[in-house]
Amino acid sequence: MSLIASITFFETCMALLTIALAERVLLGYAPAAMVGRDGWLIRGDIEE
């Protein structure tokens, strides 16, 4: 069985949920220079 065939639907959903949670935490706590309107990591519409 190949590596890709062994990935389950649950594992895929958990990976997407983890990435979404990490993004929300990063947007909430990272400095605006990193994730703000002109940020170098994520360009988000957050208030400075």
C-alpha atoms as a PDB file:
ATOM      1  CA  MET A   1       0.000   0.000   0.000  1.00  0.00           C
ATOM      2  CA  SER A   2       1.402   3.384  -0.924  1.00  0.00           C
ATOM      3  CA  LEU A   3       1.883   6.247   1.512  1.00  0.00           C
ATOM      4  CA  ILE A   4      -0.831   8.386  -0.101  1.00  0.00           C
ATOM      5  CA  ALA A   5      -3.350   5.550  -0.059  1.00  0.00           C
ATOM      6  CA  SER A   6      -2.874   5.076   3.675  1.00  0.00           C
ATOM      7  CA  ILE A   7      -3.960   8.642   4.560  1.00  0.00           C
ATOM      8  CA  THR A   8      -7.482   8.618   5.971  1.00  0.00           C
ATOM      9  CA  PHE A   9     -10.229  11.199   5.709  1.00  0.00           C
ATOM     10  CA  PHE A  10      -9.952  11.849   9.449  1.00  0.00           C
ATOM     11  CA  GLU A  11      -6.225  12.595   9.189  1.00  0.00           C
ATOM     12  CA  THR A  12      -6.862  15.020   6.344  1.00  0.00           C
ATOM     13  CA  CYS A  13      -9.561  16.829   8.313  1.00  0.00           C
ATOM     14  CA  MET A  14      -7.367  17.037  11.428  1.00  0.00           C
ATOM     15  CA  ALA A  15      -4.492  18.474   9.397  1.00  0.00           C
ATOM     16  CA  LEU A  16      -6.733  21.180   7.898  1.00  0.00           C
ATOM     17  CA  LEU A  17      -8.190  21.999  11.305  1.00  0.00           C
ATOM     18  CA  THR A  18      -4.707  22.302  12.818  1.00  0.00           C
ATOM     19  CA  ILE A  19      -3.550  24.633  10.043  1.00  0.00           C
ATOM     20  CA  ALA A  20      -6.651  26.815  10.447  1.00  0.00           C
ATOM     21  CA  LEU A  21      -6.162  27.002  14.211  1.00  0.00           C
ATOM     22  CA  ALA A  22      -2.477  27.888  13.828  1.00  0.00           C
ATOM     23  CA  GLU A  23      -3.380  30.674  11.387  1.00  0.00           C
ATOM     24  CA  ARG A  24      -5.957  32.150  13.789  1.00  0.00           C
ATOM     25  CA  VAL A  25      -3.487  32.055  16.683  1.00  0.00           C
ATOM     26  CA  LEU A  26      -0.782  33.619  14.525  1.00  0.00           C
ATOM     27  CA  LEU A  27      -3.080  36.419  13.374  1.00  0.00           C
ATOM     28  CA  GLY A  28      -4.085  37.118  16.952  1.00  0.00           C
ATOM     29  CA  TYR A  29      -0.679  37.214  18.607  1.00  0.00           C
ATOM     30  CA  ALA A  30       1.957  37.965  15.971  1.00  0.00           C
ATOM     31  CA  PRO A  31       3.138  41.556  15.452  1.00  0.00           C
ATOM     32  CA  ALA A  32       1.333  43.608  12.813  1.00  0.00           C
ATOM     33  CA  ALA A  33       4.569  44.004  10.845  1.00  0.00           C
ATOM     34  CA  MET A  34       4.497  40.237  10.325  1.00  0.00           C
ATOM     35  CA  VAL A  35       0.796  39.604   9.664  1.00  0.00           C
ATOM     36  CA  GLY A  36      -0.708  43.062   9.064  1.00  0.00           C
ATOM     37  CA  ARG A  37      -1.783  44.822   5.900  1.00  0.00           C
ATOM     38  CA  ASP A  38       1.820  44.948   4.601  1.00  0.00           C
ATOM     39  CA  GLY A  39       3.049  41.903   6.490  1.00  0.00           C
ATOM     40  CA  TRP A  40       5.808  39.704   5.185  1.00  0.00           C
ATOM     41  CA  LEU A  41       4.293  36.406   6.380  1.00  0.00           C
ATOM     42  CA  ILE A  42       0.524  36.841   5.977  1.00  0.00           C
ATOM     43  CA  ARG A  43      -1.216  39.851   4.480  1.00  0.00           C
ATOM     44  CA  GLY A  44      -4.289  40.157   6.670  1.00  0.00           C
ATOM     45  CA  ASP A  45      -6.874  42.868   7.218  1.00  0.00           C
ATOM     46  CA  ILE A  46      -6.240  43.312  10.922  1.00  0.00           C
ATOM     47  CA  GLU A  47      -6.348  46.549  12.859  1.00  0.00           C
ATOM     48  CA  GLU A  48      -3.004  47.863  14.058  1.00  0.00           C
END
